Amino acid sequence: MVSYPRLLSAGEEVKRWLITALVLGSALFPSRTAFGQAPFDWSDDQDMTFHDAYNGGNCSTCEWILAEGTIVNGSSGAFLEYLQKRFHTPEKSRPLTVYFNSNGGDVIEALKIGRLIREWGLDTSIGKTTGEISNDIVRSDNPTAGVCASSCAYAILGGNKRYLSNTGKLGVHQHYSPKSVEKPLELTATAVDRSMDQIFTAIILDYVVSMGIDPEYAVLAQSTPPVEVHWLSEDEIKKFGVDNTVDQYSDPKIIPFGARGAALEVEHVKGVFANLATPTKFRLYCRGKSATPYLAAIITDRFDYESAMQGAVANNIDFKVTNDLGLDVTVHPTLAGLKSVMNANSVHTLATAWALEGLSVGDLAEASTITAVDGEGKFVPHYAYDLQQMLTVSFTNAGPLIQLALRNCIQ
């Protein structure tokens, strides 16, 4: 059963926190508690805490950030202090996942936490962390199923990637004044309070939309009575875009290529291995009058993948060309080119191209997916697994465009 957290009142509390959010921002930060070595199992009724967590492994998901407890005045300040201590600046941040386990609390603070998560390039999920804490680091197994309800359901939207399918319970309801819940028939608000309520609802709606979420998410919350919680179904989580890790690709398009040629281009816009800020571009094209089609992947990221691509991936993969009607062709590609450049903001763009030798234009025109797999008699090392997973592209109903882009693939 969810214990309903301390949220903003419809009257003076709303006005006070609106002024705090709009004028003072996060100027007043409480100090984080210093922990010695001890068992760690944060309870729901404690103020929200933020800590590094680590399971002892060597993988991209073996460390995370825990955010557990009630969101209170100053929680966003404590989170910012944690981020500055851990990463110093947003530019030096890493895309770790923040695991929430919280029944909510202060709504304005939740919105500020969500915006900090987005600014610092972090991902989000739901999960409870237990283990041993030493030097402010929690050593733990992977997070177990958790709860993110009430205002927490807004904070979690800040994640660049939101892993929210089958990870725990996500619940929404109206923000409210505790007094109005205790005595619902008592006149506890003025006309000014009602006006502030509408302003506050607009702030929430603006936040939800700015995070890339369907506004129906906010409508659902505002239409659920404060004494109830609507637990989102898996279908709702996906429909509203709350979980954005299901692979999605842009519609294929024809772009100019070379002096008189064309290429088919598709972008990986959503997914676990997608770069949401600068999506990976995939291009299919021909060179001159060769019968061989080429596939290029253009990856833009703050991380430089050049050495991993050159030494571990580019020459160790095959491509599976498939569709839902039974097409299943394995291509043994030849690396045709690899180049990386870095701009003034230290962002790297890596372009890698393969010749898809032996693949006919007809099969390619019928394909819906091209997936990088371990090459025959070869394998991609574990440390480059994520990069290999980035090399999957999907397109539907692109046959005529593929034929157009590859019209020069003739002897």
Protein backbone atom coordinates (compact mmCIF):
# COMPACT_ATOMS: atom_id res chain seq x y z
CA MET A 1 0.00 0.00 0.00
CA VAL A 2 1.32 3.43 -0.91
CA SER A 3 1.75 5.95 1.88
CA TYR A 4 0.84 9.32 0.43
CA PRO A 5 3.76 11.71 0.63
CA ARG A 6 3.94 15.33 1.66
CA LEU A 7 2.96 17.31 -1.43
CA LEU A 8 2.30 20.95 -2.16
CA SER A 9 -0.86 22.50 -0.74
CA ALA A 10 -3.32 24.23 -2.95
CA GLY A 11 -2.75 27.55 -1.17
CA GLU A 12 0.23 29.00 0.58
CA GLU A 13 2.47 25.97 -0.01
CA VAL A 14 1.95 26.22 -3.77
CA LYS A 15 2.75 29.91 -3.78
CA ARG A 16 5.77 29.43 -1.57
CA TRP A 17 7.25 26.71 -3.75
CA LEU A 18 6.45 28.48 -7.00
CA ILE A 19 8.38 31.48 -5.72
CA THR A 20 11.20 29.17 -4.62
CA ALA A 21 11.33 27.44 -8.01
CA LEU A 22 11.10 30.59 -10.10
CA VAL A 23 13.16 32.99 -8.01
CA LEU A 24 15.48 31.21 -5.61
CA GLY A 25 16.00 28.05 -7.68
CA SER A 26 18.34 25.67 -5.86
CA ALA A 27 20.28 28.23 -3.86
CA LEU A 28 19.75 26.59 -0.50
CA PHE A 29 21.24 23.09 -0.39
CA PRO A 30 21.38 20.85 2.65
CA SER A 31 24.51 18.84 3.24
CA ARG A 32 24.45 15.13 2.41
CA THR A 33 24.74 12.79 5.32
CA ALA A 34 28.09 11.09 5.73
CA PHE A 35 27.83 7.34 6.11
CA GLY A 36 30.29 4.89 7.54
CA GLN A 37 30.39 1.23 6.61
CA ALA A 38 27.01 -0.28 7.42
CA PRO A 39 24.09 -2.20 5.93
CA PHE A 40 22.12 -0.05 3.48
CA ASP A 41 18.33 -0.35 3.22
CA TRP A 42 16.72 3.08 2.87
CA SER A 43 13.12 3.33 4.07
CA ASP A 44 10.28 5.10 2.28
CA ASP A 45 9.68 7.61 5.08
CA GLN A 46 13.26 8.93 5.11
CA ASP A 47 14.21 12.01 3.09
CA MET A 48 15.45 11.14 -0.39
CA THR A 49 19.12 10.20 -0.60
CA PHE A 50 21.47 9.82 -3.57
CA HIS A 51 24.44 7.44 -3.72
CA ASP A 52 26.73 5.63 -6.10
CA ALA A 53 25.93 1.92 -6.35
CA TYR A 54 28.05 -0.88 -7.77
CA ASN A 55 27.67 -4.64 -8.13
CA GLY A 56 31.36 -5.45 -8.56
CA GLY A 57 31.18 -6.32 -12.24
CA ASN A 58 32.82 -4.87 -15.34
CA CYS A 59 29.99 -3.78 -17.61
CA SER A 60 28.08 -0.69 -18.65
CA THR A 61 25.22 -1.46 -16.24
CA CYS A 62 27.34 -2.59 -13.28
CA GLU A 63 27.17 0.82 -11.62
CA TRP A 64 24.24 3.12 -11.14
CA ILE A 65 22.87 5.99 -9.02
CA LEU A 66 20.22 5.26 -6.39
CA ALA A 67 17.54 7.82 -5.50
CA GLU A 68 15.39 6.57 -2.62
CA GLY A 69 13.03 8.03 -0.05
CA THR A 70 10.61 10.95 0.16
CA ILE A 71 11.25 13.98 -2.05
CA VAL A 72 11.41 16.99 0.29
CA ASN A 73 12.39 20.64 0.22
CA GLY A 74 16.10 20.62 -0.66
CA SER A 75 16.18 17.23 -2.39
CA SER A 76 17.05 18.80 -5.73
CA GLY A 77 19.86 20.75 -4.06
CA ALA A 78 21.22 17.58 -2.53
CA PHE A 79 21.07 15.89 -5.92
CA LEU A 80 22.93 18.74 -7.59
CA GLU A 81 25.57 18.59 -4.88
CA TYR A 82 25.93 14.86 -5.48
CA LEU A 83 26.27 15.37 -9.25
CA GLN A 84 28.89 18.08 -8.87
CA LYS A 85 30.89 15.93 -6.48
CA ARG A 86 30.66 12.90 -8.77
CA PHE A 87 31.07 14.47 -12.22
CA HIS A 88 31.99 18.15 -11.62
CA THR A 89 30.14 19.42 -14.72
CA PRO A 90 27.42 18.12 -17.08
CA GLU A 91 30.01 17.89 -19.86
CA LYS A 92 32.01 15.38 -17.81
CA SER A 93 28.99 13.32 -16.80
CA ARG A 94 28.45 9.71 -17.87
CA PRO A 95 25.11 8.20 -18.96
CA LEU A 96 24.52 6.23 -15.76
CA THR A 97 21.01 5.14 -14.76
CA VAL A 98 19.25 6.71 -11.77
CA TYR A 99 17.13 4.05 -10.05
CA PHE A 100 14.18 5.55 -8.16
CA ASN A 101 12.38 3.95 -5.25
CA SER A 102 10.04 6.57 -3.82
CA ASN A 103 6.40 7.22 -2.97
CA GLY A 104 6.82 10.82 -4.04
CA GLY A 105 6.81 14.04 -2.07
CA ASP A 106 7.34 17.66 -3.05
CA VAL A 107 6.27 18.20 -6.65
CA ILE A 108 8.40 21.26 -7.43
CA GLU A 109 11.47 19.48 -6.10
CA ALA A 110 10.59 16.45 -8.27
CA LEU A 111 10.42 18.62 -11.40
CA LYS A 112 13.79 20.17 -10.54
CA ILE A 113 15.32 16.71 -10.04
CA GLY A 114 13.96 15.64 -13.43
CA ARG A 115 15.47 18.66 -15.15
CA LEU A 116 18.84 18.01 -13.48
CA ILE A 117 18.76 14.42 -14.73
CA ARG A 118 18.17 15.64 -18.29
CA GLU A 119 20.82 18.39 -18.04
CA TRP A 120 23.45 15.93 -16.80
CA GLY A 121 22.66 13.32 -19.47
CA LEU A 122 21.47 10.54 -17.15
CA ASP A 123 19.01 7.69 -17.71
CA THR A 124 16.27 6.53 -15.33
CA SER A 125 14.59 3.36 -14.11
CA ILE A 126 12.71 1.99 -11.09
CA GLY A 127 14.43 -0.22 -8.54
CA LYS A 128 15.33 -0.63 -4.89
CA THR A 129 18.97 -1.00 -3.86
CA THR A 130 20.06 -2.81 -0.71
CA GLY A 131 23.56 -3.80 0.34
CA GLU A 132 26.56 -2.49 2.26
CA ILE A 133 27.61 1.15 2.22
CA SER A 134 31.18 2.34 2.65
CA ASN A 135 32.72 5.68 1.67
CA ASP A 136 29.35 6.76 0.30
CA ILE A 137 29.27 3.84 -2.20
CA VAL A 138 26.66 1.09 -1.90
CA ARG A 139 27.92 -2.35 -2.86
CA SER A 140 24.87 -4.31 -3.95
CA ASP A 141 23.41 -6.89 -6.26
CA ASN A 142 21.36 -5.43 -9.09
CA PRO A 143 18.32 -3.36 -8.03
CA THR A 144 15.13 -5.27 -7.28
CA ALA A 145 11.61 -4.23 -8.29
CA GLY A 146 10.73 -0.86 -6.79
CA VAL A 147 8.01 1.78 -6.73
CA CYS A 148 7.89 5.28 -8.19
CA ALA A 149 4.62 7.01 -7.35
CA SER A 150 3.08 10.47 -7.09
CA SER A 151 5.69 13.22 -7.66
CA CYS A 152 8.40 10.61 -8.27
CA ALA A 153 6.50 9.76 -11.46
CA TYR A 154 7.46 13.24 -12.71
CA ALA A 155 11.10 13.18 -11.61
CA ILE A 156 11.73 9.91 -13.44
CA LEU A 157 10.67 11.47 -16.76
CA GLY A 158 13.95 13.39 -16.85
CA GLY A 159 15.91 10.38 -18.06
CA ASN A 160 17.40 10.62 -21.54
CA LYS A 161 16.59 6.92 -21.76
CA ARG A 162 13.85 5.60 -19.51
CA TYR A 163 13.97 1.88 -18.77
CA LEU A 164 10.49 1.55 -17.29
CA SER A 165 9.03 -1.62 -18.78
CA ASN A 166 8.81 -4.49 -16.27
CA THR A 167 11.09 -2.74 -13.78
CA GLY A 168 8.64 -1.90 -10.99
CA LYS A 169 5.42 -0.01 -10.34
CA LEU A 170 4.84 3.48 -11.76
CA GLY A 171 1.87 5.33 -10.27
CA VAL A 172 0.27 8.75 -10.75
CA HIS A 173 -2.44 10.85 -9.12
CA GLN A 174 -3.39 14.47 -8.48
CA HIS A 175 -1.17 16.74 -6.42
CA TYR A 176 -3.03 17.78 -3.29
CA SER A 177 -3.08 19.48 0.09
CA PRO A 178 -3.07 17.00 3.01
CA LYS A 179 -5.72 19.12 4.74
CA SER A 180 -8.04 18.91 1.74
CA VAL A 181 -7.76 15.12 1.80
CA GLU A 182 -8.43 14.90 5.53
CA LYS A 183 -11.44 17.25 5.31
CA PRO A 184 -12.60 17.21 1.68
CA LEU A 185 -15.85 19.14 2.38
CA GLU A 186 -14.19 21.96 4.29
CA LEU A 187 -13.52 25.24 2.46
CA THR A 188 -9.72 25.38 2.58
CA ALA A 189 -8.81 27.46 -0.49
CA THR A 190 -9.40 30.96 -1.83
CA ALA A 191 -9.97 32.16 -5.39
CA VAL A 192 -6.25 33.01 -5.51
CA ASP A 193 -5.46 29.43 -4.54
CA ARG A 194 -7.63 28.13 -7.35
CA SER A 195 -5.79 30.39 -9.80
CA MET A 196 -2.45 29.15 -8.50
CA ASP A 197 -3.65 25.58 -8.96
CA GLN A 198 -4.20 26.25 -12.64
CA ILE A 199 -0.77 27.84 -12.99
CA PHE A 200 0.77 24.86 -11.25
CA THR A 201 -1.05 22.41 -13.53
CA ALA A 202 0.28 24.34 -16.53
CA ILE A 203 3.83 24.07 -15.13
CA ILE A 204 3.44 20.30 -14.81
CA LEU A 205 2.04 19.97 -18.33
CA ASP A 206 4.86 22.06 -19.78
CA TYR A 207 7.40 19.88 -17.97
CA VAL A 208 5.85 16.62 -19.19
CA VAL A 209 5.79 17.79 -22.81
CA SER A 210 9.35 19.16 -22.61
CA MET A 211 10.51 15.70 -21.51
CA GLY A 212 9.08 14.17 -24.68
CA ILE A 213 6.09 12.52 -22.98
CA ASP A 214 2.55 12.40 -24.33
CA PRO A 215 0.51 15.10 -22.49
CA GLU A 216 -2.11 12.42 -21.81
CA TYR A 217 0.26 11.25 -19.07
CA ALA A 218 -0.35 14.50 -17.17
CA VAL A 219 -4.07 14.33 -17.93
CA LEU A 220 -4.21 10.84 -16.45
CA ALA A 221 -2.46 12.04 -13.28
CA GLN A 222 -4.70 15.08 -12.89
CA SER A 223 -7.84 12.99 -13.36
CA THR A 224 -6.92 10.42 -10.69
CA PRO A 225 -8.22 11.38 -7.19
CA PRO A 226 -5.49 12.10 -4.62
CA VAL A 227 -6.62 9.23 -2.38
CA GLU A 228 -6.08 6.78 -5.25
CA VAL A 229 -3.09 5.81 -7.40
CA HIS A 230 -3.31 4.81 -11.04
CA TRP A 231 -0.65 2.18 -11.66
CA LEU A 232 0.34 2.40 -15.31
CA SER A 233 0.08 -0.74 -17.41
CA GLU A 234 2.84 -1.83 -19.78
CA ASP A 235 0.71 -0.65 -22.70
CA GLU A 236 0.27 2.80 -21.12
CA ILE A 237 3.98 3.10 -20.35
CA LYS A 238 4.78 2.50 -24.00
CA LYS A 239 1.82 4.46 -25.42
CA PHE A 240 2.69 7.62 -23.51
CA GLY A 241 6.39 7.32 -24.39
CA VAL A 242 7.37 6.94 -20.74
CA ASP A 243 9.62 4.04 -21.72
CA ASN A 244 11.58 5.15 -24.76
CA THR A 245 13.94 2.18 -25.10
CA VAL A 246 11.93 0.30 -27.72
CA ASP A 247 13.88 0.66 -30.97
CA GLN A 248 12.45 3.22 -33.36
CA TYR A 249 13.89 4.40 -36.66
CA SER A 250 13.08 7.41 -38.80
CA ASP A 251 11.28 7.00 -42.07
CA PRO A 252 13.79 6.18 -44.81
CA LYS A 253 14.64 9.05 -47.13
CA ILE A 254 16.74 9.66 -50.23
CA ILE A 255 19.67 12.05 -49.88
CA PRO A 256 22.17 13.26 -52.53
CA PHE A 257 25.36 11.22 -52.61
CA GLY A 258 28.47 11.80 -54.68
CA ALA A 259 28.41 13.73 -57.92
CA ARG A 260 25.19 12.33 -59.34
CA GLY A 261 24.18 9.54 -57.03
CA ALA A 262 21.82 9.04 -54.11
CA ALA A 263 21.78 7.16 -50.83
CA LEU A 264 19.03 5.83 -48.61
CA GLU A 265 19.32 7.24 -45.06
CA VAL A 266 17.67 6.03 -41.84
CA GLU A 267 18.25 7.36 -38.31
CA HIS A 268 18.08 5.34 -35.07
CA VAL A 269 15.94 7.75 -33.03
CA LYS A 270 14.99 5.65 -29.97
CA GLY A 271 16.21 2.50 -28.26
CA VAL A 272 18.58 1.13 -25.65
CA PHE A 273 21.59 1.69 -27.89
CA ALA A 274 20.33 4.85 -29.59
CA ASN A 275 21.93 8.24 -29.10
CA LEU A 276 18.84 10.41 -28.62
CA ALA A 277 20.68 13.73 -29.01
CA THR A 278 22.48 12.85 -32.24
CA PRO A 279 20.96 9.67 -33.70
CA THR A 280 23.18 7.23 -35.56
CA LYS A 281 22.72 7.53 -39.31
CA PHE A 282 22.74 4.51 -41.62
CA ARG A 283 23.20 4.90 -45.36
CA LEU A 284 22.84 2.44 -48.23
CA TYR A 285 24.50 3.44 -51.49
CA CYS A 286 26.61 2.35 -54.45
CA ARG A 287 30.06 3.40 -55.60
CA GLY A 288 30.42 4.12 -59.27
CA LYS A 289 28.96 1.33 -61.38
CA SER A 290 29.87 -1.53 -59.08
CA ALA A 291 27.26 -4.18 -58.46
CA THR A 292 28.10 -4.16 -54.75
CA PRO A 293 25.89 -2.18 -52.33
CA TYR A 294 27.54 -0.44 -49.37
CA LEU A 295 26.33 0.21 -45.83
CA ALA A 296 27.68 3.12 -43.78
CA ALA A 297 27.11 3.82 -40.08
CA ILE A 298 27.74 7.36 -38.84
CA ILE A 299 27.93 7.47 -35.02
CA THR A 300 28.14 10.81 -33.21
CA ASP A 301 28.89 10.73 -29.49
CA ARG A 302 30.97 12.30 -26.74
CA PHE A 303 32.73 8.95 -26.46
CA ASP A 304 35.33 8.11 -29.12
CA TYR A 305 34.51 4.67 -30.56
CA GLU A 306 37.26 4.71 -33.20
CA SER A 307 39.70 2.29 -31.53
CA ALA A 308 36.94 -0.16 -30.54
CA MET A 309 35.47 -0.09 -34.03
CA GLN A 310 38.85 -0.47 -35.70
CA GLY A 311 40.26 -3.13 -33.42
CA ALA A 312 37.25 -5.12 -32.17
CA VAL A 313 34.17 -4.69 -34.35
CA ALA A 314 34.61 -3.60 -37.97
CA ASN A 315 36.45 -6.73 -39.14
CA ASN A 316 34.77 -9.20 -36.78
CA ILE A 317 31.14 -8.95 -37.83
CA ASP A 318 28.78 -10.32 -40.42
CA PHE A 319 25.44 -8.73 -41.30
CA LYS A 320 22.13 -10.62 -41.15
CA VAL A 321 19.65 -9.30 -43.71
CA THR A 322 16.10 -10.33 -42.80
CA ASN A 323 12.40 -9.62 -43.06
CA ASP A 324 9.22 -11.06 -41.55
CA LEU A 325 8.46 -13.14 -44.65
CA GLY A 326 11.38 -15.51 -44.31
CA LEU A 327 14.27 -13.62 -45.90
CA ASP A 328 17.45 -14.53 -44.00
CA VAL A 329 20.74 -13.79 -45.74
CA THR A 330 24.14 -13.65 -44.03
CA VAL A 331 26.62 -11.26 -45.60
CA HIS A 332 30.37 -11.40 -44.98
CA PRO A 333 31.22 -7.70 -45.41
CA THR A 334 34.51 -6.10 -46.28
CA LEU A 335 35.57 -2.99 -44.40
CA ALA A 336 35.61 -0.20 -46.98
CA GLY A 337 36.49 2.83 -44.88
CA LEU A 338 36.71 4.17 -41.33
CA LYS A 339 37.23 7.77 -40.26
CA SER A 340 36.70 9.70 -37.03
CA VAL A 341 36.69 13.47 -36.50
CA MET A 342 36.22 15.54 -33.33
CA ASN A 343 34.60 18.98 -33.25
CA ALA A 344 35.39 21.96 -31.02
CA ASN A 345 33.04 20.61 -28.33
CA SER A 346 34.94 17.31 -28.12
CA VAL A 347 32.12 15.42 -29.81
CA HIS A 348 33.32 12.58 -32.03
CA THR A 349 31.78 11.53 -35.34
CA LEU A 350 32.81 8.09 -36.56
CA ALA A 351 31.93 7.00 -40.09
CA THR A 352 32.41 3.34 -40.98
CA ALA A 353 31.51 1.73 -44.30
CA TRP A 354 31.28 -1.89 -45.41
CA ALA A 355 30.93 -3.43 -48.85
CA LEU A 356 28.05 -5.92 -48.72
CA GLU A 357 29.62 -8.27 -51.24
CA GLY A 358 27.37 -10.96 -52.63
CA LEU A 359 24.13 -9.27 -51.54
CA SER A 360 21.76 -8.58 -54.42
CA VAL A 361 19.80 -5.36 -54.71
CA GLY A 362 16.65 -7.48 -54.96
CA ASP A 363 17.23 -9.09 -51.54
CA LEU A 364 18.14 -5.74 -50.05
CA ALA A 365 14.96 -4.15 -51.42
CA GLU A 366 12.90 -6.86 -49.67
CA ALA A 367 14.75 -6.56 -46.34
CA SER A 368 13.34 -4.87 -43.24
CA THR A 369 16.33 -5.25 -40.87
CA ILE A 370 20.11 -5.42 -41.10
CA THR A 371 21.79 -6.65 -37.92
CA ALA A 372 25.47 -6.95 -37.03
CA VAL A 373 26.34 -10.41 -35.62
CA ASP A 374 29.59 -12.14 -34.77
CA GLY A 375 31.42 -13.05 -37.94
CA GLU A 376 31.94 -16.64 -39.05
CA GLY A 377 34.81 -17.97 -36.97
CA LYS A 378 35.18 -14.60 -35.26
CA PHE A 379 33.69 -12.80 -32.30
CA VAL A 380 33.37 -9.26 -30.93
CA PRO A 381 35.04 -8.90 -27.50
CA HIS A 382 32.79 -8.24 -24.54
CA TYR A 383 34.04 -4.68 -24.06
CA ALA A 384 32.81 -3.72 -27.54
CA TYR A 385 29.40 -5.41 -27.23
CA ASP A 386 27.50 -2.12 -26.98
CA LEU A 387 29.13 -0.83 -30.15
CA GLN A 388 28.15 -3.99 -32.01
CA GLN A 389 24.56 -3.59 -30.83
CA MET A 390 24.50 -0.07 -32.28
CA LEU A 391 24.95 -1.55 -35.76
CA THR A 392 21.35 -2.61 -36.33
CA VAL A 393 19.05 -0.72 -38.69
CA SER A 394 15.41 -1.34 -39.46
CA PHE A 395 13.28 0.07 -42.27
CA THR A 396 9.81 -0.79 -43.52
CA ASN A 397 8.21 -0.32 -46.91
CA ALA A 398 11.50 1.03 -48.22
CA GLY A 399 11.78 -1.25 -51.27
CA PRO A 400 11.12 1.42 -53.94
CA LEU A 401 13.48 3.88 -52.22
CA ILE A 402 16.20 1.25 -51.94
CA GLN A 403 15.81 0.47 -55.62
CA LEU A 404 16.11 4.19 -56.38
CA ALA A 405 19.17 4.71 -54.19
CA LEU A 406 20.90 1.62 -55.58
CA ARG A 407 19.94 2.08 -59.21
CA ASN A 408 23.60 2.42 -60.13
CA CYS A 409 24.50 -0.97 -58.61
CA ILE A 410 25.01 -2.54 -62.02
CA GLN A 411 27.99 -4.06 -63.81
